[in-house]
């Protein structure tokens, strides 16, 4: 069993999201492939870091990914364009 710990930097007030998951794999290599794929899905277009540990607590793999300034600005703009539930209700006349 392996354990993937991810920190995802978000462009909102809370700043980061933490995630810890168990990954089932027979070898370090298999676990690394699964961990990297999961980390990429969690990150989307944000910055973050990941650590993969085995049952003994040994660090098997780490990765840090930073966004460029252009991608960061684009992500914040996209977040601002996402309608909130209250905006949708108001537009539908029930808010």
N, C-alpha and C. Protein backbone atom coordinates (compact mmCIF):
# COMPACT_ATOMS: atom_id res chain seq x y z
N UNK A 1 0.84 -1.17 0.00
CA UNK A 1 0.00 0.00 0.00
C UNK A 1 0.89 1.24 0.00
N UNK A 2 0.45 2.24 -0.72
CA UNK A 2 1.18 3.51 -0.81
C UNK A 2 0.22 4.63 -0.42
N UNK A 3 0.80 5.77 -0.04
CA UNK A 3 0.00 6.90 0.41
C UNK A 3 0.44 8.15 -0.35
N UNK A 4 -0.50 8.77 -1.03
CA UNK A 4 -0.25 9.97 -1.82
C UNK A 4 -0.78 11.17 -1.05
N UNK A 5 0.08 12.12 -0.77
CA UNK A 5 -0.31 13.36 -0.10
C UNK A 5 -0.10 14.51 -1.09
N UNK A 6 -1.16 15.27 -1.33
CA UNK A 6 -1.10 16.37 -2.29
C UNK A 6 -1.49 17.68 -1.63
N UNK A 7 -0.82 18.73 -2.03
CA UNK A 7 -1.17 20.09 -1.65
C UNK A 7 -1.43 20.84 -2.95
N UNK A 8 -2.63 21.39 -3.06
CA UNK A 8 -3.02 22.12 -4.27
C UNK A 8 -3.25 23.58 -3.89
N UNK A 9 -2.55 24.47 -4.57
CA UNK A 9 -2.69 25.90 -4.31
C UNK A 9 -3.86 26.43 -5.12
N UNK A 10 -4.80 27.08 -4.42
CA UNK A 10 -5.99 27.60 -5.08
C UNK A 10 -5.96 29.12 -5.05
N UNK A 11 -6.68 29.71 -5.99
CA UNK A 11 -6.72 31.16 -6.08
C UNK A 11 -7.84 31.77 -5.27
N UNK A 12 -8.21 31.16 -4.16
CA UNK A 12 -9.29 31.70 -3.32
C UNK A 12 -8.75 32.00 -1.93
N UNK A 13 -9.61 32.43 -1.08
CA UNK A 13 -9.21 32.89 0.26
C UNK A 13 -8.52 31.78 1.06
N UNK A 14 -9.02 30.56 1.00
CA UNK A 14 -8.45 29.50 1.83
C UNK A 14 -7.06 29.10 1.36
N UNK A 15 -6.71 29.35 0.13
CA UNK A 15 -5.34 29.17 -0.33
C UNK A 15 -4.93 27.79 -0.78
N UNK A 16 -5.12 26.76 0.04
CA UNK A 16 -4.67 25.43 -0.35
C UNK A 16 -5.73 24.38 -0.05
N UNK A 17 -5.61 23.29 -0.77
CA UNK A 17 -6.44 22.12 -0.50
C UNK A 17 -5.50 20.95 -0.25
N UNK A 18 -5.77 20.17 0.76
CA UNK A 18 -4.94 19.01 1.09
C UNK A 18 -5.70 17.75 0.76
N UNK A 19 -4.99 16.76 0.27
CA UNK A 19 -5.62 15.50 -0.06
C UNK A 19 -4.65 14.38 0.26
N UNK A 20 -5.10 13.36 0.95
CA UNK A 20 -4.31 12.16 1.21
C UNK A 20 -5.12 10.96 0.77
N UNK A 21 -4.51 10.12 -0.04
CA UNK A 21 -5.20 8.95 -0.57
C UNK A 21 -4.31 7.72 -0.48
N UNK A 22 -4.94 6.57 -0.36
CA UNK A 22 -4.22 5.30 -0.44
C UNK A 22 -4.22 4.85 -1.89
N UNK A 23 -3.07 4.35 -2.32
CA UNK A 23 -2.96 3.78 -3.67
C UNK A 23 -2.50 2.34 -3.53
N UNK A 24 -3.19 1.45 -4.18
CA UNK A 24 -2.80 0.05 -4.18
C UNK A 24 -1.91 -0.22 -5.39
N UNK A 25 -0.71 -0.71 -5.14
CA UNK A 25 0.22 -1.03 -6.22
C UNK A 25 1.19 -2.10 -5.73
N UNK A 26 1.73 -2.88 -6.66
CA UNK A 26 2.64 -3.96 -6.31
C UNK A 26 4.10 -3.51 -6.28
N UNK A 27 4.42 -2.47 -7.05
CA UNK A 27 5.80 -2.00 -7.12
C UNK A 27 5.84 -0.47 -6.98
N UNK A 28 7.02 0.03 -6.66
CA UNK A 28 7.20 1.48 -6.60
C UNK A 28 6.85 2.12 -7.95
N UNK A 29 7.29 1.51 -9.03
CA UNK A 29 7.06 2.07 -10.36
C UNK A 29 5.57 2.17 -10.67
N UNK A 30 4.82 1.14 -10.35
CA UNK A 30 3.37 1.16 -10.57
C UNK A 30 2.71 2.24 -9.71
N UNK A 31 3.15 2.37 -8.47
CA UNK A 31 2.59 3.38 -7.58
C UNK A 31 2.90 4.79 -8.08
N UNK A 32 4.10 4.99 -8.60
CA UNK A 32 4.49 6.30 -9.12
C UNK A 32 3.63 6.69 -10.31
N UNK A 33 3.39 5.75 -11.20
CA UNK A 33 2.54 6.02 -12.38
C UNK A 33 1.14 6.43 -11.93
N UNK A 34 0.57 5.69 -10.98
CA UNK A 34 -0.77 6.01 -10.48
C UNK A 34 -0.78 7.35 -9.75
N UNK A 35 0.25 7.60 -8.95
CA UNK A 35 0.32 8.84 -8.18
C UNK A 35 0.43 10.06 -9.09
N UNK A 36 1.28 9.96 -10.10
CA UNK A 36 1.45 11.10 -11.01
C UNK A 36 0.15 11.39 -11.76
N UNK A 37 -0.54 10.36 -12.22
CA UNK A 37 -1.80 10.55 -12.93
C UNK A 37 -2.84 11.20 -12.01
N UNK A 38 -2.93 10.75 -10.79
CA UNK A 38 -3.90 11.30 -9.83
C UNK A 38 -3.56 12.75 -9.50
N UNK A 39 -2.28 13.03 -9.30
CA UNK A 39 -1.83 14.38 -8.97
C UNK A 39 -2.16 15.35 -10.10
N UNK A 40 -1.93 14.95 -11.32
CA UNK A 40 -2.24 15.81 -12.47
C UNK A 40 -3.74 16.11 -12.52
N UNK A 41 -4.58 15.10 -12.26
CA UNK A 41 -6.04 15.33 -12.24
C UNK A 41 -6.44 16.28 -11.12
N UNK A 42 -5.85 16.13 -9.95
CA UNK A 42 -6.18 17.01 -8.82
C UNK A 42 -5.75 18.45 -9.08
N UNK A 43 -4.60 18.62 -9.71
CA UNK A 43 -4.08 19.97 -9.93
C UNK A 43 -4.86 20.77 -10.94
N UNK A 44 -5.27 20.14 -12.03
CA UNK A 44 -5.86 20.93 -13.11
C UNK A 44 -4.82 21.91 -13.59
N UNK A 45 -5.14 23.20 -13.58
CA UNK A 45 -4.17 24.21 -14.04
C UNK A 45 -3.65 25.04 -12.86
N UNK A 46 -3.50 24.40 -11.71
CA UNK A 46 -3.03 25.08 -10.51
C UNK A 46 -1.63 24.59 -10.13
N UNK A 47 -1.03 25.24 -9.17
CA UNK A 47 0.26 24.83 -8.63
C UNK A 47 0.04 23.88 -7.47
N UNK A 48 1.05 23.07 -7.18
CA UNK A 48 0.94 22.19 -6.03
C UNK A 48 2.13 21.27 -5.91
N UNK A 49 2.08 20.41 -4.91
CA UNK A 49 3.14 19.44 -4.70
C UNK A 49 2.54 18.12 -4.22
N UNK A 50 3.30 17.05 -4.44
CA UNK A 50 2.83 15.73 -4.04
C UNK A 50 3.99 14.92 -3.47
N UNK A 51 3.65 14.05 -2.53
CA UNK A 51 4.62 13.12 -1.94
C UNK A 51 3.96 11.75 -1.90
N UNK A 52 4.69 10.75 -2.37
CA UNK A 52 4.21 9.37 -2.33
C UNK A 52 5.10 8.60 -1.37
N UNK A 53 4.45 7.96 -0.38
CA UNK A 53 5.20 7.18 0.61
C UNK A 53 4.71 5.74 0.60
N UNK A 54 5.62 4.83 0.97
CA UNK A 54 5.22 3.43 1.10
C UNK A 54 4.75 3.16 2.52
N UNK A 55 4.40 1.89 2.80
CA UNK A 55 3.89 1.52 4.14
C UNK A 55 4.89 1.83 5.26
N UNK A 56 6.17 1.80 4.94
CA UNK A 56 7.20 2.05 5.95
C UNK A 56 7.44 3.54 6.15
N UNK A 57 6.76 4.38 5.37
CA UNK A 57 6.94 5.82 5.50
C UNK A 57 8.07 6.38 4.65
N UNK A 58 8.68 5.52 3.83
CA UNK A 58 9.78 5.93 2.97
C UNK A 58 9.23 6.73 1.79
N UNK A 59 9.83 7.88 1.50
CA UNK A 59 9.40 8.69 0.36
C UNK A 59 9.86 7.99 -0.92
N UNK A 60 8.88 7.68 -1.77
CA UNK A 60 9.14 6.96 -3.01
C UNK A 60 9.24 7.94 -4.18
N UNK A 61 8.48 9.03 -4.10
CA UNK A 61 8.39 9.97 -5.24
C UNK A 61 7.87 11.30 -4.73
N UNK A 62 8.36 12.37 -5.32
CA UNK A 62 7.83 13.71 -5.04
C UNK A 62 7.76 14.49 -6.34
N UNK A 63 6.86 15.45 -6.37
CA UNK A 63 6.75 16.32 -7.54
C UNK A 63 6.18 17.65 -7.09
N UNK A 64 6.72 18.72 -7.63
CA UNK A 64 6.18 20.06 -7.40
C UNK A 64 5.95 20.67 -8.77
N UNK A 65 4.77 21.26 -8.92
CA UNK A 65 4.46 21.91 -10.20
C UNK A 65 3.99 23.33 -9.92
N UNK A 66 4.60 24.28 -10.60
CA UNK A 66 4.23 25.68 -10.48
C UNK A 66 3.61 26.15 -11.78
N UNK A 67 2.64 27.02 -11.66
CA UNK A 67 2.02 27.61 -12.85
C UNK A 67 2.81 28.83 -13.27
N UNK A 68 2.77 29.11 -14.55
CA UNK A 68 3.35 30.35 -15.04
C UNK A 68 2.43 31.50 -14.63
N UNK A 69 2.92 32.72 -14.67
CA UNK A 69 2.10 33.87 -14.33
C UNK A 69 0.90 33.99 -15.25
N UNK A 70 1.09 33.72 -16.56
CA UNK A 70 -0.02 33.79 -17.51
C UNK A 70 -1.10 32.77 -17.18
N UNK A 71 -0.69 31.54 -16.86
CA UNK A 71 -1.67 30.50 -16.52
C UNK A 71 -2.37 30.83 -15.22
N UNK A 72 -1.64 31.41 -14.27
CA UNK A 72 -2.24 31.79 -12.99
C UNK A 72 -3.30 32.86 -13.18
N UNK A 73 -3.00 33.86 -13.98
CA UNK A 73 -3.97 34.93 -14.24
C UNK A 73 -5.18 34.38 -14.97
N UNK A 74 -4.95 33.48 -15.91
CA UNK A 74 -6.06 32.87 -16.65
C UNK A 74 -6.93 32.03 -15.74
N UNK A 75 -6.33 31.30 -14.80
CA UNK A 75 -7.10 30.47 -13.86
C UNK A 75 -7.96 31.35 -12.97
N UNK A 76 -7.40 32.47 -12.47
CA UNK A 76 -8.19 33.37 -11.62
C UNK A 76 -9.34 33.96 -12.40
N UNK A 77 -9.10 34.31 -13.66
CA UNK A 77 -10.17 34.87 -14.48
C UNK A 77 -11.27 33.85 -14.70
N UNK A 78 -10.89 32.60 -14.93
CA UNK A 78 -11.87 31.53 -15.13
C UNK A 78 -12.67 31.31 -13.85
N UNK A 79 -12.00 31.31 -12.68
CA UNK A 79 -12.70 31.13 -11.40
C UNK A 79 -13.73 32.24 -11.19
N UNK A 80 -13.38 33.45 -11.60
CA UNK A 80 -14.29 34.58 -11.42
C UNK A 80 -15.50 34.48 -12.34
N UNK A 81 -15.36 33.77 -13.46
CA UNK A 81 -16.44 33.65 -14.42
C UNK A 81 -17.42 32.53 -14.07
N UNK A 82 -17.05 31.64 -13.16
CA UNK A 82 -17.92 30.53 -12.78
C UNK A 82 -19.07 31.07 -11.94
N UNK A 83 -20.31 30.87 -12.38
CA UNK A 83 -21.45 31.41 -11.62
C UNK A 83 -21.63 30.68 -10.30
N UNK A 84 -21.97 31.43 -9.27
CA UNK A 84 -22.26 30.86 -7.96
C UNK A 84 -23.71 30.39 -7.94
N UNK A 85 -24.05 29.47 -7.04
CA UNK A 85 -25.41 28.95 -6.94
C UNK A 85 -26.40 30.08 -6.72
N UNK A 86 -26.03 31.07 -5.89
CA UNK A 86 -26.94 32.19 -5.61
C UNK A 86 -27.19 33.02 -6.87
N UNK A 87 -26.17 33.15 -7.74
CA UNK A 87 -26.34 33.88 -9.00
C UNK A 87 -27.30 33.15 -9.93
N UNK A 88 -27.20 31.84 -9.94
CA UNK A 88 -28.07 31.03 -10.81
C UNK A 88 -29.51 31.12 -10.33
N UNK A 89 -29.72 31.01 -8.99
CA UNK A 89 -31.07 31.12 -8.45
C UNK A 89 -31.67 32.50 -8.74
N UNK A 90 -30.85 33.54 -8.59
CA UNK A 90 -31.35 34.90 -8.84
C UNK A 90 -31.74 35.06 -10.31
N UNK A 91 -30.95 34.49 -11.20
CA UNK A 91 -31.25 34.59 -12.63
C UNK A 91 -32.52 33.83 -12.98
N UNK A 92 -32.80 32.77 -12.21
CA UNK A 92 -34.01 31.97 -12.45
C UNK A 92 -35.22 32.54 -11.73
N UNK A 93 -35.01 33.59 -10.94
CA UNK A 93 -36.11 34.24 -10.26
C UNK A 93 -36.51 33.62 -8.94
N UNK A 94 -35.66 32.71 -8.40
CA UNK A 94 -36.02 32.07 -7.13
C UNK A 94 -35.01 32.42 -6.04
N UNK A 95 -34.23 33.47 -6.21
CA UNK A 95 -33.22 33.79 -5.22
C UNK A 95 -33.54 35.03 -4.55
